[in-house]
Amino acid sequence: MFHKIAMAAMATAFIAACSPKSFESAPVTVETAQGPVICQLYTKSLGDWDRSVSRPEGMSLETADQVCVAEGQREMKS
């Protein structure tokens, strides 16, 4: 019984340590032709998690997220 509880506790700790929240940067605003996109970027090694949190009316979520991924990649190179 103790073994199962210990394993569950370790699994929970591992999952919590992998939470994107612990890797977030301050939101970044990227100006586009359609207007500003606010991006949530993560550490430079986690560009796959970069996403938009606000976008101009008329811009798709997919497009806004692409803007943020591109911004994250740009920041990785700087």
Protein backbone atom coordinates (compact mmCIF):
# COMPACT_ATOMS: atom_id res chain seq x y z
CA MET A 1 0.00 0.00 0.00
CA PHE A 2 2.78 2.43 0.95
CA HIS A 3 4.53 1.67 -2.34
CA LYS A 4 1.43 2.72 -4.33
CA ILE A 5 1.08 5.96 -2.35
CA ALA A 6 4.76 6.78 -2.82
CA MET A 7 4.54 6.11 -6.57
CA ALA A 8 1.43 8.28 -6.87
CA ALA A 9 3.15 11.11 -5.00
CA MET A 10 6.22 10.90 -7.23
CA ALA A 11 4.07 10.89 -10.38
CA THR A 12 2.15 13.95 -9.17
CA ALA A 13 5.39 15.80 -8.41
CA PHE A 14 6.78 14.93 -11.84
CA ILE A 15 3.67 16.17 -13.63
CA ALA A 16 3.61 19.39 -11.59
CA ALA A 17 7.25 20.04 -12.44
CA CYS A 18 6.39 19.81 -16.16
CA SER A 19 3.62 22.39 -15.99
CA PRO A 20 3.98 25.15 -18.59
CA LYS A 21 2.99 27.71 -15.94
CA SER A 22 6.39 27.39 -14.25
CA PHE A 23 8.17 28.31 -17.52
CA GLU A 24 6.08 31.35 -18.56
CA SER A 25 7.63 34.69 -19.41
CA ALA A 26 5.86 38.00 -19.04
CA PRO A 27 3.35 38.44 -21.93
CA VAL A 28 4.88 39.97 -25.06
CA THR A 29 3.05 42.19 -27.57
CA VAL A 30 3.86 41.64 -31.24
CA GLU A 31 2.65 44.25 -33.72
CA THR A 32 1.22 42.80 -36.94
CA ALA A 33 -0.47 44.37 -39.97
CA GLN A 34 -3.84 43.38 -38.47
CA GLY A 35 -3.00 44.77 -35.02
CA PRO A 36 -1.29 43.67 -31.82
CA VAL A 37 -1.05 40.03 -30.80
CA ILE A 38 -0.27 39.33 -27.15
CA CYS A 39 1.85 36.22 -26.77
CA GLN A 40 2.62 33.97 -23.85
CA LEU A 41 6.16 32.78 -24.43
CA TYR A 42 8.06 30.21 -22.43
CA THR A 43 11.73 29.58 -21.78
CA LYS A 44 13.94 29.71 -24.85
CA SER A 45 14.12 25.92 -25.05
CA LEU A 46 10.32 25.45 -25.02
CA GLY A 47 9.17 27.25 -28.16
CA ASP A 48 6.56 24.58 -28.88
CA TRP A 49 4.40 25.93 -26.03
CA ASP A 50 4.37 29.57 -27.26
CA ARG A 51 0.79 30.72 -27.89
CA SER A 52 -1.39 33.78 -28.26
CA VAL A 53 -3.52 35.04 -25.39
CA SER A 54 -5.08 37.96 -27.27
CA ARG A 55 -5.43 38.75 -30.97
CA PRO A 56 -7.04 41.36 -33.21
CA GLU A 57 -10.64 40.84 -34.27
CA GLY A 58 -10.70 38.99 -37.57
CA MET A 59 -7.40 37.15 -36.99
CA SER A 60 -7.73 33.40 -36.54
CA LEU A 61 -6.36 31.67 -33.46
CA GLU A 62 -4.08 29.61 -35.68
CA THR A 63 -2.58 32.73 -37.29
CA ALA A 64 -2.10 34.43 -33.92
CA ASP A 65 -0.43 31.33 -32.51
CA GLN A 66 1.89 31.22 -35.55
CA VAL A 67 2.87 34.83 -34.85
CA CYS A 68 3.74 33.85 -31.28
CA VAL A 69 5.72 30.77 -32.26
CA ALA A 70 7.69 32.92 -34.73
CA GLU A 71 8.32 35.51 -31.99
CA GLY A 72 9.53 32.81 -29.63
CA GLN A 73 11.91 31.51 -32.31
CA ARG A 74 13.15 35.05 -32.97
CA GLU A 75 13.85 35.52 -29.26
CA MET A 76 15.64 32.15 -29.10
CA LYS A 77 18.12 33.38 -31.67
CA SER A 78 18.81 36.66 -29.87
